[in-house]
Amino acid sequence: RSATIALLGLAGLLWWGNNYKHINEGHNVNPLDGIPGSGFSWHQIVP
């Protein structure tokens, strides 16, 4: 019971699916927060 309540994610979908974003005590944060090296920019890569 206590472990379940302590889980930090809500779940759902866009329509038919799951999306991965973080929630921190009910408040949205940048989805890349906590991922090392999140300063990376896709514009650095030439297609």
ModelCIF file with pLDDT and N, C-alpha, C, O atoms, coordinates in Angstrom:
data_MODEL
#
_entry.id   MODEL 
#
_entity.id                         1 
_entity.type                       polymer 
_entity.pdbx_number_of_molecules   1 
#
_entity_poly.entity_id                      1 
_entity_poly.type                           'polypeptide(L)' 
_entity_poly.nstd_linkage                   no 
_entity_poly.nstd_monomer                   no 
_entity_poly.pdbx_seq_one_letter_code       RSATIALLGLAGLLWWGNNYKHINEGHNVNPLDGIPGSGFSWHQIVP 
_entity_poly.pdbx_seq_one_letter_code_can   RSATIALLGLAGLLWWGNNYKHINEGHNVNPLDGIPGSGFSWHQIVP 
_entity_poly.pdbx_strand_id                 A 
#
loop_
_entity_poly_seq.entity_id 
_entity_poly_seq.num 
_entity_poly_seq.mon_id 
_entity_poly_seq.hetero 
1 1  ARG n 
1 2  SER n 
1 3  ALA n 
1 4  THR n 
1 5  ILE n 
1 6  ALA n 
1 7  LEU n 
1 8  LEU n 
1 9  GLY n 
1 10 LEU n 
1 11 ALA n 
1 12 GLY n 
1 13 LEU n 
1 14 LEU n 
1 15 TRP n 
1 16 TRP n 
1 17 GLY n 
1 18 ASN n 
1 19 ASN n 
1 20 TYR n 
1 21 LYS n 
1 22 HIS n 
1 23 ILE n 
1 24 ASN n 
1 25 GLU n 
1 26 GLY n 
1 27 HIS n 
1 28 ASN n 
1 29 VAL n 
1 30 ASN n 
1 31 PRO n 
1 32 LEU n 
1 33 ASP n 
1 34 GLY n 
1 35 ILE n 
1 36 PRO n 
1 37 GLY n 
1 38 SER n 
1 39 GLY n 
1 40 PHE n 
1 41 SER n 
1 42 TRP n 
1 43 HIS n 
1 44 GLN n 
1 45 ILE n 
1 46 VAL n 
1 47 PRO n 
#
_struct_asym.id          A 
_struct_asym.entity_id   1 
#
loop_
_ma_qa_metric.id 
_ma_qa_metric.mode 
_ma_qa_metric.name 
_ma_qa_metric.software_group_id 
_ma_qa_metric.type 
1 global pLDDT . pLDDT 
2 local  pLDDT . pLDDT 
#
_ma_qa_metric_global.metric_id      1 
_ma_qa_metric_global.metric_value   47.72 
_ma_qa_metric_global.model_id       1 
_ma_qa_metric_global.ordinal_id     1 
#
loop_
_ma_qa_metric_local.label_asym_id 
_ma_qa_metric_local.label_comp_id 
_ma_qa_metric_local.label_seq_id 
_ma_qa_metric_local.metric_id 
_ma_qa_metric_local.metric_value 
_ma_qa_metric_local.model_id 
_ma_qa_metric_local.ordinal_id 
A ARG 1  2 28.00 1 1  
A SER 2  2 27.00 1 2  
A ALA 3  2 26.00 1 3  
A THR 4  2 25.00 1 4  
A ILE 5  2 23.00 1 5  
A ALA 6  2 24.00 1 6  
A LEU 7  2 23.00 1 7  
A LEU 8  2 22.00 1 8  
A GLY 9  2 25.00 1 9  
A LEU 10 2 25.00 1 10 
A ALA 11 2 27.00 1 11 
A GLY 12 2 31.00 1 12 
A LEU 13 2 36.00 1 13 
A LEU 14 2 50.00 1 14 
A TRP 15 2 51.00 1 15 
A TRP 16 2 57.00 1 16 
A GLY 17 2 54.00 1 17 
A ASN 18 2 50.00 1 18 
A ASN 19 2 46.00 1 19 
A TYR 20 2 43.00 1 20 
A LYS 21 2 42.00 1 21 
A HIS 22 2 33.00 1 22 
A ILE 23 2 27.00 1 23 
A ASN 24 2 29.00 1 24 
A GLU 25 2 29.00 1 25 
A GLY 26 2 31.00 1 26 
A HIS 27 2 28.00 1 27 
A ASN 28 2 32.00 1 28 
A VAL 29 2 32.00 1 29 
A ASN 30 2 40.00 1 30 
A PRO 31 2 44.00 1 31 
A LEU 32 2 49.00 1 32 
A ASP 33 2 44.00 1 33 
A GLY 34 2 46.00 1 34 
A ILE 35 2 56.00 1 35 
A PRO 36 2 54.00 1 36 
A GLY 37 2 59.00 1 37 
A SER 38 2 62.00 1 38 
A GLY 39 2 75.00 1 39 
A PHE 40 2 85.00 1 40 
A SER 41 2 89.00 1 41 
A TRP 42 2 92.00 1 42 
A HIS 43 2 91.00 1 43 
A GLN 44 2 92.00 1 44 
A ILE 45 2 96.00 1 45 
A VAL 46 2 96.00 1 46 
A PRO 47 2 97.00 1 47 
#
loop_
_atom_site.group_PDB 
_atom_site.id 
_atom_site.type_symbol 
_atom_site.label_atom_id 
_atom_site.label_alt_id 
_atom_site.label_comp_id 
_atom_site.label_asym_id 
_atom_site.label_entity_id 
_atom_site.label_seq_id 
_atom_site.pdbx_PDB_ins_code 
_atom_site.Cartn_x 
_atom_site.Cartn_y 
_atom_site.Cartn_z 
_atom_site.occupancy 
_atom_site.B_iso_or_equiv 
_atom_site.pdbx_formal_charge 
_atom_site.auth_seq_id 
_atom_site.auth_comp_id 
_atom_site.auth_asym_id 
_atom_site.auth_atom_id 
_atom_site.pdbx_PDB_model_num 
ATOM 1   N N  . ARG A 1 1  ? 0.821  -1.209 0.000   1.00 28.00 ? 1  ARG A N  1 
ATOM 2   C CA . ARG A 1 1  ? 0.000  0.000  0.000   1.00 28.00 ? 1  ARG A CA 1 
ATOM 3   C C  . ARG A 1 1  ? 0.856  1.261  0.000   1.00 28.00 ? 1  ARG A C  1 
ATOM 4   O O  . ARG A 1 1  ? 0.630  2.159  -0.811  1.00 28.00 ? 1  ARG A O  1 
ATOM 5   N N  . SER A 1 2  ? 1.833  1.339  0.897   1.00 27.00 ? 2  SER A N  1 
ATOM 6   C CA . SER A 1 2  ? 2.639  2.553  0.949   1.00 27.00 ? 2  SER A CA 1 
ATOM 7   C C  . SER A 1 2  ? 3.507  2.699  -0.283  1.00 27.00 ? 2  SER A C  1 
ATOM 8   O O  . SER A 1 2  ? 3.729  3.812  -0.761  1.00 27.00 ? 2  SER A O  1 
ATOM 9   N N  . ALA A 1 3  ? 4.009  1.565  -0.810  1.00 26.00 ? 3  ALA A N  1 
ATOM 10  C CA . ALA A 1 3  ? 4.825  1.638  -2.022  1.00 26.00 ? 3  ALA A CA 1 
ATOM 11  C C  . ALA A 1 3  ? 3.993  2.107  -3.201  1.00 26.00 ? 3  ALA A C  1 
ATOM 12  O O  . ALA A 1 3  ? 4.470  2.871  -4.041  1.00 26.00 ? 3  ALA A O  1 
ATOM 13  N N  . THR A 1 4  ? 2.744  1.649  -3.265  1.00 25.00 ? 4  THR A N  1 
ATOM 14  C CA . THR A 1 4  ? 1.876  2.047  -4.363  1.00 25.00 ? 4  THR A CA 1 
ATOM 15  C C  . THR A 1 4  ? 1.611  3.543  -4.326  1.00 25.00 ? 4  THR A C  1 
ATOM 16  O O  . THR A 1 4  ? 1.694  4.221  -5.351  1.00 25.00 ? 4  THR A O  1 
ATOM 17  N N  . ILE A 1 5  ? 1.292  4.056  -3.143  1.00 23.00 ? 5  ILE A N  1 
ATOM 18  C CA . ILE A 1 5  ? 1.003  5.484  -3.024  1.00 23.00 ? 5  ILE A CA 1 
ATOM 19  C C  . ILE A 1 5  ? 2.230  6.313  -3.347  1.00 23.00 ? 5  ILE A C  1 
ATOM 20  O O  . ILE A 1 5  ? 2.117  7.455  -3.791  1.00 23.00 ? 5  ILE A O  1 
ATOM 21  N N  . ALA A 1 6  ? 3.406  5.738  -3.123  1.00 24.00 ? 6  ALA A N  1 
ATOM 22  C CA . ALA A 1 6  ? 4.638  6.495  -3.348  1.00 24.00 ? 6  ALA A CA 1 
ATOM 23  C C  . ALA A 1 6  ? 5.048  6.558  -4.802  1.00 24.00 ? 6  ALA A C  1 
ATOM 24  O O  . ALA A 1 6  ? 5.967  7.306  -5.136  1.00 24.00 ? 6  ALA A O  1 
ATOM 25  N N  . LEU A 1 7  ? 4.405  5.803  -5.686  1.00 23.00 ? 7  LEU A N  1 
ATOM 26  C CA . LEU A 1 7  ? 4.782  5.845  -7.090  1.00 23.00 ? 7  LEU A CA 1 
ATOM 27  C C  . LEU A 1 7  ? 4.658  7.264  -7.621  1.00 23.00 ? 7  LEU A C  1 
ATOM 28  O O  . LEU A 1 7  ? 3.746  8.001  -7.248  1.00 23.00 ? 7  LEU A O  1 
ATOM 29  N N  . LEU A 1 8  ? 5.578  7.636  -8.490  1.00 22.00 ? 8  LEU A N  1 
ATOM 30  C CA . LEU A 1 8  ? 5.643  9.035  -8.902  1.00 22.00 ? 8  LEU A CA 1 
ATOM 31  C C  . LEU A 1 8  ? 5.032  9.292  -10.273 1.00 22.00 ? 8  LEU A C  1 
ATOM 32  O O  . LEU A 1 8  ? 5.208  10.391 -10.800 1.00 22.00 ? 8  LEU A O  1 
ATOM 33  N N  . GLY A 1 9  ? 4.332  8.351  -10.874 1.00 25.00 ? 9  GLY A N  1 
ATOM 34  C CA . GLY A 1 9  ? 3.800  8.595  -12.212 1.00 25.00 ? 9  GLY A CA 1 
ATOM 35  C C  . GLY A 1 9  ? 2.318  8.435  -12.289 1.00 25.00 ? 9  GLY A C  1 
ATOM 36  O O  . GLY A 1 9  ? 1.752  7.559  -11.634 1.00 25.00 ? 9  GLY A O  1 
ATOM 37  N N  . LEU A 1 10 ? 1.660  9.272  -13.087 1.00 25.00 ? 10 LEU A N  1 
ATOM 38  C CA . LEU A 1 10 ? 0.299  9.015  -13.518 1.00 25.00 ? 10 LEU A CA 1 
ATOM 39  C C  . LEU A 1 10 ? 0.391  8.352  -14.880 1.00 25.00 ? 10 LEU A C  1 
ATOM 40  O O  . LEU A 1 10 ? 1.438  8.411  -15.524 1.00 25.00 ? 10 LEU A O  1 
ATOM 41  N N  . ALA A 1 11 ? -0.678 7.727  -15.325 1.00 27.00 ? 11 ALA A N  1 
ATOM 42  C CA . ALA A 1 11 ? -0.598 7.020  -16.582 1.00 27.00 ? 11 ALA A CA 1 
ATOM 43  C C  . ALA A 1 11 ? -1.790 7.328  -17.435 1.00 27.00 ? 11 ALA A C  1 
ATOM 44  O O  . ALA A 1 11 ? -2.854 7.692  -16.936 1.00 27.00 ? 11 ALA A O  1 
ATOM 45  N N  . GLY A 1 12 ? -1.607 7.180  -18.744 1.00 31.00 ? 12 GLY A N  1 
ATOM 46  C CA . GLY A 1 12 ? -2.714 7.393  -19.652 1.00 31.00 ? 12 GLY A CA 1 
ATOM 47  C C  . GLY A 1 12 ? -2.288 7.217  -21.063 1.00 31.00 ? 12 GLY A C  1 
ATOM 48  O O  . GLY A 1 12 ? -1.599 6.250  -21.386 1.00 31.00 ? 12 GLY A O  1 
ATOM 49  N N  . LEU A 1 13 ? -2.682 8.140  -21.937 1.00 36.00 ? 13 LEU A N  1 
ATOM 50  C CA . LEU A 1 13 ? -2.435 7.969  -23.344 1.00 36.00 ? 13 LEU A CA 1 
ATOM 51  C C  . LEU A 1 13 ? -2.527 9.300  -24.016 1.00 36.00 ? 13 LEU A C  1 
ATOM 52  O O  . LEU A 1 13 ? -2.973 10.282 -23.422 1.00 36.00 ? 13 LEU A O  1 
ATOM 53  N N  . LEU A 1 14 ? -2.101 9.338  -25.268 1.00 50.00 ? 14 LEU A N  1 
ATOM 54  C CA . LEU A 1 14 ? -2.498 10.437 -26.117 1.00 50.00 ? 14 LEU A CA 1 
ATOM 55  C C  . LEU A 1 14 ? -3.915 10.115 -26.557 1.00 50.00 ? 14 LEU A C  1 
ATOM 56  O O  . LEU A 1 14 ? -4.862 10.753 -26.098 1.00 50.00 ? 14 LEU A O  1 
ATOM 57  N N  . TRP A 1 15 ? -4.077 9.149  -27.428 1.00 51.00 ? 15 TRP A N  1 
ATOM 58  C CA . TRP A 1 15 ? -5.415 8.572  -27.615 1.00 51.00 ? 15 TRP A CA 1 
ATOM 59  C C  . TRP A 1 15 ? -5.316 7.085  -27.345 1.00 51.00 ? 15 TRP A C  1 
ATOM 60  O O  . TRP A 1 15 ? -5.875 6.582  -26.370 1.00 51.00 ? 15 TRP A O  1 
ATOM 61  N N  . TRP A 1 16 ? -4.588 6.371  -28.228 1.00 57.00 ? 16 TRP A N  1 
ATOM 62  C CA . TRP A 1 16 ? -4.353 4.953  -28.000 1.00 57.00 ? 16 TRP A CA 1 
ATOM 63  C C  . TRP A 1 16 ? -2.890 4.788  -27.629 1.00 57.00 ? 16 TRP A C  1 
ATOM 64  O O  . TRP A 1 16 ? -2.138 4.208  -28.413 1.00 57.00 ? 16 TRP A O  1 
ATOM 65  N N  . GLY A 1 17 ? -2.456 5.258  -26.497 1.00 54.00 ? 17 GLY A N  1 
ATOM 66  C CA . GLY A 1 17 ? -1.059 5.053  -26.233 1.00 54.00 ? 17 GLY A CA 1 
ATOM 67  C C  . GLY A 1 17 ? -0.587 5.609  -24.926 1.00 54.00 ? 17 GLY A C  1 
ATOM 68  O O  . GLY A 1 17 ? -1.317 6.296  -24.212 1.00 54.00 ? 17 GLY A O  1 
ATOM 69  N N  . ASN A 1 18 ? 0.656  5.297  -24.624 1.00 50.00 ? 18 ASN A N  1 
ATOM 70  C CA . ASN A 1 18 ? 1.302  5.765  -23.414 1.00 50.00 ? 18 ASN A CA 1 
ATOM 71  C C  . ASN A 1 18 ? 2.320  6.812  -23.779 1.00 50.00 ? 18 ASN A C  1 
ATOM 72  O O  . ASN A 1 18 ? 2.981  6.722  -24.813 1.00 50.00 ? 18 ASN A O  1 
ATOM 73  N N  . ASN A 1 19 ? 2.443  7.798  -22.931 1.00 46.00 ? 19 ASN A N  1 
ATOM 74  C CA . ASN A 1 19 ? 3.444  8.817  -23.150 1.00 46.00 ? 19 ASN A CA 1 
ATOM 75  C C  . ASN A 1 19 ? 4.335  8.884  -21.923 1.00 46.00 ? 19 ASN A C  1 
ATOM 76  O O  . ASN A 1 19 ? 3.901  8.596  -20.807 1.00 46.00 ? 19 ASN A O  1 
ATOM 77  N N  . TYR A 1 20 ? 5.582  9.266  -22.141 1.00 43.00 ? 20 TYR A N  1 
ATOM 78  C CA . TYR A 1 20 ? 6.553  9.255  -21.057 1.00 43.00 ? 20 TYR A CA 1 
ATOM 79  C C  . TYR A 1 20 ? 6.909  10.683 -20.675 1.00 43.00 ? 20 TYR A C  1 
ATOM 80  O O  . TYR A 1 20 ? 7.662  11.360 -21.376 1.00 43.00 ? 20 TYR A O  1 
ATOM 81  N N  . LYS A 1 21 ? 6.357  11.127 -19.555 1.00 42.00 ? 21 LYS A N  1 
ATOM 82  C CA . LYS A 1 21 ? 6.751  12.404 -18.975 1.00 42.00 ? 21 LYS A CA 1 
ATOM 83  C C  . LYS A 1 21 ? 6.803  12.212 -17.475 1.00 42.00 ? 21 LYS A C  1 
ATOM 84  O O  . LYS A 1 21 ? 6.191  11.300 -16.919 1.00 42.00 ? 21 LYS A O  1 
ATOM 85  N N  . HIS A 1 22 ? 7.539  13.081 -16.846 1.00 33.00 ? 22 HIS A N  1 
ATOM 86  C CA . HIS A 1 22 ? 7.678  12.970 -15.388 1.00 33.00 ? 22 HIS A CA 1 
ATOM 87  C C  . HIS A 1 22 ? 6.627  13.817 -14.685 1.00 33.00 ? 22 HIS A C  1 
ATOM 88  O O  . HIS A 1 22 ? 6.149  14.817 -15.221 1.00 33.00 ? 22 HIS A O  1 
ATOM 89  N N  . ILE A 1 23 ? 6.287  13.406 -13.507 1.00 27.00 ? 23 ILE A N  1 
ATOM 90  C CA . ILE A 1 23 ? 5.481  14.245 -12.626 1.00 27.00 ? 23 ILE A CA 1 
ATOM 91  C C  . ILE A 1 23 ? 6.169  14.250 -11.271 1.00 27.00 ? 23 ILE A C  1 
ATOM 92  O O  . ILE A 1 23 ? 6.598  13.206 -10.778 1.00 27.00 ? 23 ILE A O  1 
ATOM 93  N N  . ASN A 1 24 ? 6.270  15.403 -10.687 1.00 29.00 ? 24 ASN A N  1 
ATOM 94  C CA . ASN A 1 24 ? 6.974  15.540 -9.408  1.00 29.00 ? 24 ASN A CA 1 
ATOM 95  C C  . ASN A 1 24 ? 5.995  16.089 -8.387  1.00 29.00 ? 24 ASN A C  1 
ATOM 96  O O  . ASN A 1 24 ? 5.737  17.291 -8.333  1.00 29.00 ? 24 ASN A O  1 
ATOM 97  N N  . GLU A 1 25 ? 5.451  15.183 -7.572  1.00 29.00 ? 25 GLU A N  1 
ATOM 98  C CA . GLU A 1 25 ? 4.471  15.561 -6.558  1.00 29.00 ? 25 GLU A CA 1 
ATOM 99  C C  . GLU A 1 25 ? 3.334  16.365 -7.176  1.00 29.00 ? 25 GLU A C  1 
ATOM 100 O O  . GLU A 1 25 ? 2.861  17.347 -6.604  1.00 29.00 ? 25 GLU A O  1 
ATOM 101 N N  . GLY A 1 26 ? 2.905  15.925 -8.360  1.00 31.00 ? 26 GLY A N  1 
ATOM 102 C CA . GLY A 1 26 ? 1.759  16.552 -8.991  1.00 31.00 ? 26 GLY A CA 1 
ATOM 103 C C  . GLY A 1 26 ? 2.094  17.728 -9.886  1.00 31.00 ? 26 GLY A C  1 
ATOM 104 O O  . GLY A 1 26 ? 1.189  18.339 -10.454 1.00 31.00 ? 26 GLY A O  1 
ATOM 105 N N  . HIS A 1 27 ? 3.375  18.066 -10.030 1.00 28.00 ? 27 HIS A N  1 
ATOM 106 C CA . HIS A 1 27 ? 3.717  19.239 -10.823 1.00 28.00 ? 27 HIS A CA 1 
ATOM 107 C C  . HIS A 1 27 ? 4.610  18.838 -11.990 1.00 28.00 ? 27 HIS A C  1 
ATOM 108 O O  . HIS A 1 27 ? 5.572  18.089 -11.826 1.00 28.00 ? 27 HIS A O  1 
ATOM 109 N N  . ASN A 1 28 ? 4.272  19.351 -13.174 1.00 32.00 ? 28 ASN A N  1 
ATOM 110 C CA . ASN A 1 28 ? 5.071  19.045 -14.346 1.00 32.00 ? 28 ASN A CA 1 
ATOM 111 C C  . ASN A 1 28 ? 6.459  19.640 -14.224 1.00 32.00 ? 28 ASN A C  1 
ATOM 112 O O  . ASN A 1 28 ? 6.647  20.718 -13.660 1.00 32.00 ? 28 ASN A O  1 
ATOM 113 N N  . VAL A 1 29 ? 7.416  18.924 -14.760 1.00 32.00 ? 29 VAL A N  1 
ATOM 114 C CA . VAL A 1 29 ? 8.771  19.425 -14.872 1.00 32.00 ? 29 VAL A CA 1 
ATOM 115 C C  . VAL A 1 29 ? 9.220  19.183 -16.291 1.00 32.00 ? 29 VAL A C  1 
ATOM 116 O O  . VAL A 1 29 ? 8.567  18.465 -17.048 1.00 32.00 ? 29 VAL A O  1 
ATOM 117 N N  . ASN A 1 30 ? 10.338 19.783 -16.651 1.00 40.00 ? 30 ASN A N  1 
ATOM 118 C CA . ASN A 1 30 ? 10.898 19.533 -17.967 1.00 40.00 ? 30 ASN A CA 1 
ATOM 119 C C  . ASN A 1 30 ? 11.121 18.039 -18.135 1.00 40.00 ? 30 ASN A C  1 
ATOM 120 O O  . ASN A 1 30 ? 11.754 17.425 -17.276 1.00 40.00 ? 30 ASN A O  1 
ATOM 121 N N  . PRO A 1 31 ? 10.616 17.416 -19.230 1.00 44.00 ? 31 PRO A N  1 
ATOM 122 C CA . PRO A 1 31 ? 10.746 15.972 -19.367 1.00 44.00 ? 31 PRO A CA 1 
ATOM 123 C C  . PRO A 1 31 ? 12.179 15.487 -19.462 1.00 44.00 ? 31 PRO A C  1 
ATOM 124 O O  . PRO A 1 31 ? 12.441 14.296 -19.295 1.00 44.00 ? 31 PRO A O  1 
ATOM 125 N N  . LEU A 1 32 ? 13.131 16.408 -19.733 1.00 49.00 ? 32 LEU A N  1 
ATOM 126 C CA . LEU A 1 32 ? 14.532 15.991 -19.785 1.00 49.00 ? 32 LEU A CA 1 
ATOM 127 C C  . LEU A 1 32 ? 15.260 16.250 -18.480 1.00 49.00 ? 32 LEU A C  1 
ATOM 128 O O  . LEU A 1 32 ? 16.428 15.888 -18.343 1.00 49.00 ? 32 LEU A O  1 
ATOM 129 N N  . ASP A 1 33 ? 14.585 16.875 -17.515 1.00 44.00 ? 33 ASP A N  1 
ATOM 130 C CA . ASP A 1 33 ? 15.219 17.071 -16.211 1.00 44.00 ? 33 ASP A CA 1 
ATOM 131 C C  . ASP A 1 33 ? 15.599 15.721 -15.622 1.00 44.00 ? 33 ASP A C  1 
ATOM 132 O O  . ASP A 1 33 ? 14.822 14.768 -15.675 1.00 44.00 ? 33 ASP A O  1 
ATOM 133 N N  . GLY A 1 34 ? 16.782 15.651 -15.071 1.00 46.00 ? 34 GLY A N  1 
ATOM 134 C CA . GLY A 1 34 ? 17.225 14.410 -14.455 1.00 46.00 ? 34 GLY A CA 1 
ATOM 135 C C  . GLY A 1 34 ? 17.918 13.481 -15.423 1.00 46.00 ? 34 GLY A C  1 
ATOM 136 O O  . GLY A 1 34 ? 18.481 12.470 -15.003 1.00 46.00 ? 34 GLY A O  1 
ATOM 137 N N  . ILE A 1 35 ? 17.896 13.799 -16.731 1.00 56.00 ? 35 ILE A N  1 
ATOM 138 C CA . ILE A 1 35 ? 18.619 12.996 -17.711 1.00 56.00 ? 35 ILE A CA 1 
ATOM 139 C C  . ILE A 1 35 ? 19.951 13.686 -17.965 1.00 56.00 ? 35 ILE A C  1 
ATOM 140 O O  . ILE A 1 35 ? 19.977 14.801 -18.484 1.00 56.00 ? 35 ILE A O  1 
ATOM 141 N N  . PRO A 1 36 ? 21.061 13.038 -17.605 1.00 54.00 ? 36 PRO A N  1 
ATOM 142 C CA . PRO A 1 36 ? 22.364 13.682 -17.797 1.00 54.00 ? 36 PRO A CA 1 
ATOM 143 C C  . PRO A 1 36 ? 22.567 14.068 -19.252 1.00 54.00 ? 36 PRO A C  1 
ATOM 144 O O  . PRO A 1 36 ? 22.170 13.346 -20.168 1.00 54.00 ? 36 PRO A O  1 
ATOM 145 N N  . GLY A 1 37 ? 23.196 15.226 -19.446 1.00 59.00 ? 37 GLY A N  1 
ATOM 146 C CA . GLY A 1 37 ? 23.493 15.648 -20.802 1.00 59.00 ? 37 GLY A CA 1 
ATOM 147 C C  . GLY A 1 37 ? 22.302 16.205 -21.533 1.00 59.00 ? 37 GLY A C  1 
ATOM 148 O O  . GLY A 1 37 ? 22.287 16.211 -22.764 1.00 59.00 ? 37 GLY A O  1 
ATOM 149 N N  . SER A 1 38 ? 21.283 16.684 -20.801 1.00 62.00 ? 38 SER A N  1 
ATOM 150 C CA . SER A 1 38 ? 20.078 17.154 -21.465 1.00 62.00 ? 38 SER A CA 1 
ATOM 151 C C  . SER A 1 38 ? 20.287 18.475 -22.178 1.00 62.00 ? 38 SER A C  1 
ATOM 152 O O  . SER A 1 38 ? 19.356 18.978 -22.809 1.00 62.00 ? 38 SER A O  1 
ATOM 153 N N  . GLY A 1 39 ? 21.474 19.054 -22.101 1.00 75.00 ? 39 GLY A N  1 
ATOM 154 C CA . GLY A 1 39 ? 21.779 20.246 -22.867 1.00 75.00 ? 39 GLY A CA 1 
ATOM 155 C C  . GLY A 1 39 ? 22.016 19.965 -24.335 1.00 75.00 ? 39 GLY A C  1 
ATOM 156 O O  . GLY A 1 39 ? 22.206 20.893 -25.121 1.00 75.00 ? 39 GLY A O  1 
ATOM 157 N N  . PHE A 1 40 ? 22.008 18.703 -24.716 1.00 85.00 ? 40 PHE A N  1 
ATOM 158 C CA . PHE A 1 40 ? 22.179 18.319 -26.112 1.00 85.00 ? 40 PHE A CA 1 
ATOM 159 C C  . PHE A 1 40 ? 21.102 18.946 -26.979 1.00 85.00 ? 40 PHE A C  1 
ATOM 160 O O  . PHE A 1 40 ? 19.946 19.035 -26.567 1.00 85.00 ? 40 PHE A O  1 
ATOM 161 N N  . SER A 1 41 ? 21.473 19.385 -28.183 1.00 89.00 ? 41 SER A N  1 
ATOM 162 C CA . SER A 1 41 ? 20.519 19.956 -29.130 1.00 89.00 ? 41 SER A CA 1 
ATOM 163 C C  . SER A 1 41 ? 20.527 19.145 -30.419 1.00 89.00 ? 41 SER A C  1 
ATOM 164 O O  . SER A 1 41 ? 21.588 18.809 -30.945 1.00 89.00 ? 41 SER A O  1 
ATOM 165 N N  . TRP A 1 42 ? 19.345 18.838 -30.918 1.00 92.00 ? 42 TRP A N  1 
ATOM 166 C CA . TRP A 1 42 ? 19.243 18.095 -32.175 1.00 92.00 ? 42 TRP A CA 1 
ATOM 167 C C  . TRP A 1 42 ? 19.812 18.879 -33.352 1.00 92.00 ? 42 TRP A C  1 
ATOM 168 O O  . TRP A 1 42 ? 20.217 18.299 -34.360 1.00 92.00 ? 42 TRP A O  1 
ATOM 169 N N  . HIS A 1 43 ? 19.839 20.195 -33.216 1.00 91.00 ? 43 HIS A N  1 
ATOM 170 C CA . HIS A 1 43 ? 20.376 21.008 -34.312 1.00 91.00 ? 43 HIS A CA 1 
ATOM 171 C C  . HIS A 1 43 ? 21.875 20.789 -34.503 1.00 91.00 ? 43 HIS A C  1 
ATOM 172 O O  . HIS A 1 43 ? 22.442 21.201 -35.515 1.00 91.00 ? 43 HIS A O  1 
ATOM 173 N N  . GLN A 1 44 ? 22.509 20.148 -33.544 1.00 92.00 ? 44 GLN A N  1 
ATOM 174 C CA . GLN A 1 44 ? 23.933 19.849 -33.681 1.00 92.00 ? 44 GLN A CA 1 
ATOM 175 C C  . GLN A 1 44 ? 24.187 18.746 -34.701 1.00 92.00 ? 44 GLN A C  1 
ATOM 176 O O  . GLN A 1 44 ? 25.321 18.567 -35.146 1.00 92.00 ? 44 GLN A O  1 
ATOM 177 N N  . ILE A 1 45 ? 23.146 18.004 -35.079 1.00 96.00 ? 45 ILE A N  1 
ATOM 178 C CA . ILE A 1 45 ? 23.295 16.871 -35.988 1.00 96.00 ? 45 ILE A CA 1 
ATOM 179 C C  . ILE A 1 45 ? 22.754 17.249 -37.365 1.00 96.00 ? 45 ILE A C  1 
ATOM 180 O O  . ILE A 1 45 ? 21.618 17.705 -37.492 1.00 96.00 ? 45 ILE A O  1 
ATOM 181 N N  . VAL A 1 46 ? 23.567 17.057 -38.379 1.00 96.00 ? 46 VAL A N  1 
ATOM 182 C CA . VAL A 1 46 ? 23.131 17.291 -39.756 1.00 96.00 ? 46 VAL A CA 1 
ATOM 183 C C  . VAL A 1 46 ? 22.449 16.019 -40.259 1.00 96.00 ? 46 VAL A C  1 
ATOM 184 O O  . VAL A 1 46 ? 23.040 14.941 -40.180 1.00 96.00 ? 46 VAL A O  1 
ATOM 185 N N  . PRO A 1 47 ? 21.227 16.115 -40.774 1.00 97.00 ? 47 PRO A N  1 
ATOM 186 C CA . PRO A 1 47 ? 20.541 14.912 -41.286 1.00 97.00 ? 47 PRO A CA 1 
ATOM 187 C C  . PRO A 1 47 ? 21.357 14.226 -42.376 1.00 97.00 ? 47 PRO A C  1 
ATOM 188 O O  . PRO A 1 47 ? 20.933 13.204 -42.915 1.00 97.00 ? 47 PRO A O  1 
#
